[in-house]
PDB file of all heavy atoms in Angstrom:
ATOM      1  N   ARG A   1      10.210  -0.120  31.489  1.00  0.00           N
ATOM      2  CA  ARG A   1       9.684   0.237  32.772  1.00  0.00           C
ATOM      3  C   ARG A   1      10.163  -0.675  33.819  1.00  0.00           C
ATOM      4  O   ARG A   1       9.873  -0.451  35.077  1.00  0.00           O
ATOM      5  CB  ARG A   1       8.206   0.254  32.747  1.00  0.00           C
ATOM      6  CG  ARG A   1       7.616   1.144  31.826  1.00  0.00           C
ATOM      7  CD  ARG A   1       6.037   1.083  31.839  1.00  0.00           C
ATOM      8  NE  ARG A   1       5.384   1.941  30.884  1.00  0.00           N
ATOM      9  CZ  ARG A   1       4.085   2.213  30.739  1.00  0.00           C
ATOM     10  NH1 ARG A   1       3.256   1.591  31.692  1.00  0.00           N
ATOM     11  NH2 ARG A   1       3.610   2.994  29.906  1.00  0.00           N
ATOM     12  N   GLN A   2      10.847  -1.688  33.532  1.00  0.00           N
ATOM     13  CA  GLN A   2      11.206  -2.868  34.339  1.00  0.00           C
ATOM     14  C   GLN A   2      10.073  -3.529  35.140  1.00  0.00           C
ATOM     15  O   GLN A   2      10.145  -3.984  36.265  1.00  0.00           O
ATOM     16  CB  GLN A   2      12.281  -2.258  35.387  1.00  0.00           C
ATOM     17  CG  GLN A   2      13.528  -1.758  34.798  1.00  0.00           C
ATOM     18  CD  GLN A   2      14.605  -1.372  35.898  1.00  0.00           C
ATOM     19  OE1 GLN A   2      14.404  -1.377  37.075  1.00  0.00           O
ATOM     20  NE2 GLN A   2      15.729  -0.964  35.321  1.00  0.00           N
ATOM     21  N   ASP A   3       8.914  -3.585  34.376  1.00  0.00           N
ATOM     22  CA  ASP A   3       7.789  -4.211  34.823  1.00  0.00           C
ATOM     23  C   ASP A   3       7.834  -5.666  34.497  1.00  0.00           C
ATOM     24  O   ASP A   3       6.993  -6.183  33.653  1.00  0.00           O
ATOM     25  CB  ASP A   3       6.562  -3.548  34.377  1.00  0.00           C
ATOM     26  CG  ASP A   3       5.209  -4.068  34.989  1.00  0.00           C
ATOM     27  OD1 ASP A   3       5.309  -4.839  35.854  1.00  0.00           O
ATOM     28  OD2 ASP A   3       4.160  -3.538  34.562  1.00  0.00           O
ATOM     29  N   TYR A   4       8.712  -6.406  35.053  1.00  0.00           N
ATOM     30  CA  TYR A   4       8.939  -7.809  34.727  1.00  0.00           C
ATOM     31  C   TYR A   4       7.809  -8.727  35.328  1.00  0.00           C
ATOM     32  O   TYR A   4       7.510  -9.689  34.660  1.00  0.00           O
ATOM     33  CB  TYR A   4      10.251  -8.246  35.303  1.00  0.00           C
ATOM     34  CG  TYR A   4      11.412  -7.438  34.999  1.00  0.00           C
ATOM     35  CD1 TYR A   4      12.202  -7.008  35.940  1.00  0.00           C
ATOM     36  CD2 TYR A   4      11.553  -6.946  33.688  1.00  0.00           C
ATOM     37  CE1 TYR A   4      13.386  -6.086  35.727  1.00  0.00           C
ATOM     38  CE2 TYR A   4      12.732  -6.082  33.440  1.00  0.00           C
ATOM     39  CZ  TYR A   4      13.539  -5.818  34.361  1.00  0.00           C
ATOM     40  OH  TYR A   4      14.567  -4.855  34.089  1.00  0.00           O
ATOM     41  N   VAL A   5       7.151  -8.251  36.340  1.00  0.00           N
ATOM     42  CA  VAL A   5       6.075  -9.052  36.843  1.00  0.00           C
ATOM     43  C   VAL A   5       4.827  -9.151  35.860  1.00  0.00           C
ATOM     44  O   VAL A   5       4.195 -10.208  35.764  1.00  0.00           O
ATOM     45  CB  VAL A   5       5.430  -8.447  38.196  1.00  0.00           C
ATOM     46  CG1 VAL A   5       4.353  -9.221  38.727  1.00  0.00           C
ATOM     47  CG2 VAL A   5       6.681  -8.316  39.203  1.00  0.00           C
ATOM     48  N   THR A   6       4.642  -8.091  35.123  1.00  0.00           N
ATOM     49  CA  THR A   6       3.608  -8.134  34.057  1.00  0.00           C
ATOM     50  C   THR A   6       4.054  -8.949  32.913  1.00  0.00           C
ATOM     51  O   THR A   6       3.302  -9.685  32.285  1.00  0.00           O
ATOM     52  CB  THR A   6       3.280  -6.656  33.625  1.00  0.00           C
ATOM     53  OG1 THR A   6       2.622  -6.044  34.830  1.00  0.00           O
ATOM     54  CG2 THR A   6       2.197  -6.687  32.569  1.00  0.00           C
ATOM     55  N   ALA A   7       5.359  -8.613  32.467  1.00  0.00           N
ATOM     56  CA  ALA A   7       5.703  -9.279  31.159  1.00  0.00           C
ATOM     57  C   ALA A   7       5.873 -10.737  31.323  1.00  0.00           C
ATOM     58  O   ALA A   7       5.579 -11.578  30.265  1.00  0.00           O
ATOM     59  CB  ALA A   7       7.047  -8.626  30.782  1.00  0.00           C
ATOM     60  N   GLY A   8       6.355 -11.307  32.365  1.00  0.00           N
ATOM     61  CA  GLY A   8       6.751 -12.662  32.490  1.00  0.00           C
ATOM     62  C   GLY A   8       5.708 -13.611  32.245  1.00  0.00           C
ATOM     63  O   GLY A   8       5.786 -14.546  31.475  1.00  0.00           O
ATOM     64  N   PRO A   9       4.447 -13.520  32.932  1.00  0.00           N
ATOM     65  CA  PRO A   9       3.410 -14.584  32.702  1.00  0.00           C
ATOM     66  C   PRO A   9       2.932 -14.747  31.375  1.00  0.00           C
ATOM     67  O   PRO A   9       2.315 -15.812  30.992  1.00  0.00           O
ATOM     68  CB  PRO A   9       2.364 -14.102  33.808  1.00  0.00           C
ATOM     69  CG  PRO A   9       3.113 -13.427  34.800  1.00  0.00           C
ATOM     70  CD  PRO A   9       4.161 -12.546  34.029  1.00  0.00           C
ATOM     71  N   PHE A  10       2.977 -13.644  30.491  1.00  0.00           N
ATOM     72  CA  PHE A  10       2.464 -13.709  29.124  1.00  0.00           C
ATOM     73  C   PHE A  10       3.329 -14.757  28.402  1.00  0.00           C
ATOM     74  O   PHE A  10       2.830 -15.116  27.294  1.00  0.00           O
ATOM     75  CB  PHE A  10       2.541 -12.374  28.575  1.00  0.00           C
ATOM     76  CG  PHE A  10       1.550 -11.394  29.060  1.00  0.00           C
ATOM     77  CD1 PHE A  10       1.847  -9.986  29.164  1.00  0.00           C
ATOM     78  CD2 PHE A  10       0.351 -11.759  29.715  1.00  0.00           C
ATOM     79  CE1 PHE A  10       0.909  -9.069  29.656  1.00  0.00           C
ATOM     80  CE2 PHE A  10      -0.540 -10.993  30.360  1.00  0.00           C
ATOM     81  CZ  PHE A  10      -0.278  -9.553  30.233  1.00  0.00           C
ATOM     82  N   LEU A  11       4.478 -15.021  28.830  1.00  0.00           N
ATOM     83  CA  LEU A  11       5.361 -16.065  28.037  1.00  0.00           C
ATOM     84  C   LEU A  11       4.593 -17.417  28.017  1.00  0.00           C
ATOM     85  O   LEU A  11       4.883 -18.080  26.962  1.00  0.00           O
ATOM     86  CB  LEU A  11       6.730 -16.226  28.676  1.00  0.00           C
ATOM     87  CG  LEU A  11       7.697 -15.081  28.531  1.00  0.00           C
ATOM     88  CD1 LEU A  11       8.885 -15.451  29.378  1.00  0.00           C
ATOM     89  CD2 LEU A  11       8.001 -14.939  27.126  1.00  0.00           C
ATOM     90  N   ALA A  12       3.837 -17.635  28.975  1.00  0.00           N
ATOM     91  CA  ALA A  12       3.042 -18.963  28.902  1.00  0.00           C
ATOM     92  C   ALA A  12       2.172 -19.078  27.689  1.00  0.00           C
ATOM     93  O   ALA A  12       1.727 -20.168  27.365  1.00  0.00           O
ATOM     94  CB  ALA A  12       2.273 -19.208  30.173  1.00  0.00           C
ATOM     95  N   TYR A  13       1.790 -17.988  27.138  1.00  0.00           N
ATOM     96  CA  TYR A  13       0.885 -17.872  25.989  1.00  0.00           C
ATOM     97  C   TYR A  13       1.478 -17.653  24.626  1.00  0.00           C
ATOM     98  O   TYR A  13       0.825 -17.419  23.692  1.00  0.00           O
ATOM     99  CB  TYR A  13      -0.322 -17.104  26.314  1.00  0.00           C
ATOM    100  CG  TYR A  13      -0.886 -17.119  27.666  1.00  0.00           C
ATOM    101  CD1 TYR A  13      -0.748 -16.336  28.704  1.00  0.00           C
ATOM    102  CD2 TYR A  13      -1.732 -18.314  27.922  1.00  0.00           C
ATOM    103  CE1 TYR A  13      -1.212 -16.494  30.009  1.00  0.00           C
ATOM    104  CE2 TYR A  13      -2.204 -18.541  29.267  1.00  0.00           C
ATOM    105  CZ  TYR A  13      -2.051 -17.595  30.225  1.00  0.00           C
ATOM    106  OH  TYR A  13      -2.553 -17.840  31.507  1.00  0.00           O
ATOM    107  N   ALA A  14       2.784 -17.386  24.707  1.00  0.00           N
ATOM    108  CA  ALA A  14       3.483 -16.929  23.478  1.00  0.00           C
ATOM    109  C   ALA A  14       3.464 -18.080  22.442  1.00  0.00           C
ATOM    110  O   ALA A  14       3.865 -19.114  22.672  1.00  0.00           O
ATOM    111  CB  ALA A  14       4.856 -16.535  23.784  1.00  0.00           C
ATOM    112  N   THR A  15       3.044 -17.738  21.199  1.00  0.00           N
ATOM    113  CA  THR A  15       3.024 -18.675  20.104  1.00  0.00           C
ATOM    114  C   THR A  15       4.578 -18.664  19.558  1.00  0.00           C
ATOM    115  O   THR A  15       5.376 -17.818  19.771  1.00  0.00           O
ATOM    116  CB  THR A  15       2.085 -18.168  19.024  1.00  0.00           C
ATOM    117  OG1 THR A  15       2.489 -16.889  18.527  1.00  0.00           O
ATOM    118  CG2 THR A  15       0.717 -18.104  19.586  1.00  0.00           C
ATOM    119  N   PRO A  16       4.819 -19.742  18.768  1.00  0.00           N
ATOM    120  CA  PRO A  16       6.147 -19.766  18.148  1.00  0.00           C
ATOM    121  C   PRO A  16       6.455 -18.544  17.313  1.00  0.00           C
ATOM    122  O   PRO A  16       7.633 -17.992  17.324  1.00  0.00           O
ATOM    123  CB  PRO A  16       6.116 -21.015  17.260  1.00  0.00           C
ATOM    124  CG  PRO A  16       5.154 -21.980  18.006  1.00  0.00           C
ATOM    125  CD  PRO A  16       4.174 -20.967  18.609  1.00  0.00           C
ATOM    126  N   GLU A  17       5.538 -18.087  16.568  1.00  0.00           N
ATOM    127  CA  GLU A  17       5.610 -16.863  15.844  1.00  0.00           C
ATOM    128  C   GLU A  17       6.041 -15.706  16.667  1.00  0.00           C
ATOM    129  O   GLU A  17       6.964 -14.824  16.303  1.00  0.00           O
ATOM    130  CB  GLU A  17       4.414 -16.606  15.002  1.00  0.00           C
ATOM    131  CG  GLU A  17       4.535 -15.197  14.096  1.00  0.00           C
ATOM    132  CD  GLU A  17       3.307 -14.951  13.384  1.00  0.00           C
ATOM    133  OE1 GLU A  17       2.245 -15.481  13.763  1.00  0.00           O
ATOM    134  OE2 GLU A  17       3.301 -14.078  12.483  1.00  0.00           O
ATOM    135  N   LEU A  18       5.326 -15.527  17.832  1.00  0.00           N
ATOM    136  CA  LEU A  18       5.535 -14.387  18.760  1.00  0.00           C
ATOM    137  C   LEU A  18       6.987 -14.548  19.377  1.00  0.00           C
ATOM    138  O   LEU A  18       7.627 -13.605  19.598  1.00  0.00           O
ATOM    139  CB  LEU A  18       4.527 -14.354  19.751  1.00  0.00           C
ATOM    140  CG  LEU A  18       4.611 -13.133  20.735  1.00  0.00           C
ATOM    141  CD1 LEU A  18       4.731 -11.866  20.080  1.00  0.00           C
ATOM    142  CD2 LEU A  18       3.451 -13.179  21.740  1.00  0.00           C
ATOM    143  N   ILE A  19       7.344 -15.757  19.716  1.00  0.00           N
ATOM    144  CA  ILE A  19       8.689 -16.040  20.335  1.00  0.00           C
ATOM    145  C   ILE A  19       9.779 -15.620  19.359  1.00  0.00           C
ATOM    146  O   ILE A  19      10.741 -15.011  19.813  1.00  0.00           O
ATOM    147  CB  ILE A  19       8.839 -17.517  20.791  1.00  0.00           C
ATOM    148  CG1 ILE A  19       7.804 -17.842  21.885  1.00  0.00           C
ATOM    149  CG2 ILE A  19      10.276 -17.806  21.168  1.00  0.00           C
ATOM    150  CD1 ILE A  19       7.806 -19.382  22.219  1.00  0.00           C
ATOM    151  N   ARG A  20       9.554 -15.976  18.004  1.00  0.00           N
ATOM    152  CA  ARG A  20      10.606 -15.536  17.117  1.00  0.00           C
ATOM    153  C   ARG A  20      10.598 -14.034  16.929  1.00  0.00           C
ATOM    154  O   ARG A  20      11.745 -13.444  16.797  1.00  0.00           O
ATOM    155  CB  ARG A  20      10.272 -16.122  15.767  1.00  0.00           C
ATOM    156  CG  ARG A  20      10.605 -17.661  15.625  1.00  0.00           C
ATOM    157  CD  ARG A  20      10.521 -18.059  14.144  1.00  0.00           C
ATOM    158  NE  ARG A  20       9.119 -18.092  13.699  1.00  0.00           N
ATOM    159  CZ  ARG A  20       8.283 -19.021  13.852  1.00  0.00           C
ATOM    160  NH1 ARG A  20       8.560 -20.154  14.416  1.00  0.00           N
ATOM    161  NH2 ARG A  20       7.107 -18.913  13.328  1.00  0.00           N
ATOM    162  N   ALA A  21       9.476 -13.352  17.006  1.00  0.00           N
ATOM    163  CA  ALA A  21       9.430 -11.934  16.951  1.00  0.00           C
ATOM    164  C   ALA A  21      10.069 -11.359  18.164  1.00  0.00           C
ATOM    165  O   ALA A  21      10.823 -10.263  17.975  1.00  0.00           O
ATOM    166  CB  ALA A  21       7.984 -11.506  16.828  1.00  0.00           C
ATOM    167  N   VAL A  22       9.938 -11.776  19.286  1.00  0.00           N
ATOM    168  CA  VAL A  22      10.622 -11.334  20.541  1.00  0.00           C
ATOM    169  C   VAL A  22      12.118 -11.492  20.480  1.00  0.00           C
ATOM    170  O   VAL A  22      12.880 -10.562  20.860  1.00  0.00           O
ATOM    171  CB  VAL A  22      10.036 -12.123  21.781  1.00  0.00           C
ATOM    172  CG1 VAL A  22      10.923 -11.784  23.051  1.00  0.00           C
ATOM    173  CG2 VAL A  22       8.585 -11.668  22.058  1.00  0.00           C
ATOM    174  N   GLU A  23      12.557 -12.601  19.910  1.00  0.00           N
ATOM    175  CA  GLU A  23      13.968 -12.774  19.761  1.00  0.00           C
ATOM    176  C   GLU A  23      14.575 -11.706  18.822  1.00  0.00           C
ATOM    177  O   GLU A  23      15.564 -11.145  19.122  1.00  0.00           O
ATOM    178  CB  GLU A  23      14.283 -14.158  19.130  1.00  0.00           C
ATOM    179  CG  GLU A  23      15.749 -14.509  18.926  1.00  0.00           C
ATOM    180  CD  GLU A  23      16.036 -15.623  18.023  1.00  0.00           C
ATOM    181  OE1 GLU A  23      15.139 -16.002  17.268  1.00  0.00           O
ATOM    182  OE2 GLU A  23      17.235 -16.085  17.914  1.00  0.00           O
ATOM    183  N   GLN A  24      13.880 -11.306  17.840  1.00  0.00           N
ATOM    184  CA  GLN A  24      14.401 -10.444  16.883  1.00  0.00           C
ATOM    185  C   GLN A  24      14.176  -8.950  17.266  1.00  0.00           C
ATOM    186  O   GLN A  24      14.969  -8.054  16.899  1.00  0.00           O
ATOM    187  CB  GLN A  24      13.798 -10.649  15.454  1.00  0.00           C
ATOM    188  CG  GLN A  24      14.176 -11.981  14.959  1.00  0.00           C
ATOM    189  CD  GLN A  24      13.326 -12.409  13.665  1.00  0.00           C
ATOM    190  OE1 GLN A  24      12.598 -11.547  13.173  1.00  0.00           O
ATOM    191  NE2 GLN A  24      13.514 -13.661  13.265  1.00  0.00           N
ATOM    192  N   GLY A  25      13.092  -8.737  17.981  1.00  0.00           N
ATOM    193  CA  GLY A  25      12.663  -7.358  18.212  1.00  0.00           C
ATOM    194  C   GLY A  25      12.785  -6.853  19.654  1.00  0.00           C
ATOM    195  O   GLY A  25      12.432  -5.666  19.857  1.00  0.00           O
ATOM    196  N   VAL A  26      13.172  -7.721  20.577  1.00  0.00           N
ATOM    197  CA  VAL A  26      13.349  -7.261  21.943  1.00  0.00           C
ATOM    198  C   VAL A  26      14.904  -7.395  22.314  1.00  0.00           C
ATOM    199  O   VAL A  26      15.254  -8.481  22.597  1.00  0.00           O
ATOM    200  CB  VAL A  26      12.509  -8.092  22.904  1.00  0.00           C
ATOM    201  CG1 VAL A  26      12.749  -7.575  24.394  1.00  0.00           C
ATOM    202  CG2 VAL A  26      11.034  -8.124  22.616  1.00  0.00           C
ATOM    203  N   PRO A  27      15.581  -6.284  22.323  1.00  0.00           N
ATOM    204  CA  PRO A  27      17.047  -6.371  22.538  1.00  0.00           C
ATOM    205  C   PRO A  27      17.487  -6.444  23.937  1.00  0.00           C
ATOM    206  O   PRO A  27      18.643  -6.726  24.308  1.00  0.00           O
ATOM    207  CB  PRO A  27      17.509  -5.057  21.903  1.00  0.00           C
ATOM    208  CG  PRO A  27      16.384  -4.169  22.097  1.00  0.00           C
ATOM    209  CD  PRO A  27      15.140  -4.983  21.947  1.00  0.00           C
ATOM    210  N   ASP A  28      16.583  -6.256  24.889  1.00  0.00           N
ATOM    211  CA  ASP A  28      17.005  -6.176  26.298  1.00  0.00           C
ATOM    212  C   ASP A  28      17.207  -7.492  26.925  1.00  0.00           C
ATOM    213  O   ASP A  28      16.102  -8.175  27.393  1.00  0.00           O
ATOM    214  CB  ASP A  28      15.833  -5.523  27.105  1.00  0.00           C
ATOM    215  CG  ASP A  28      16.178  -5.201  28.580  1.00  0.00           C
ATOM    216  OD1 ASP A  28      17.155  -5.690  28.996  1.00  0.00           O
ATOM    217  OD2 ASP A  28      15.414  -4.453  29.175  1.00  0.00           O
TER     218      ASP A  28
END
């Protein structure tokens, strides 16, 4: 949806496990 304003701030709370999952599961 290109809703970057919503997605961005959540990075401040991303755990190492979630960061690894994003690397593997978010291709954009």
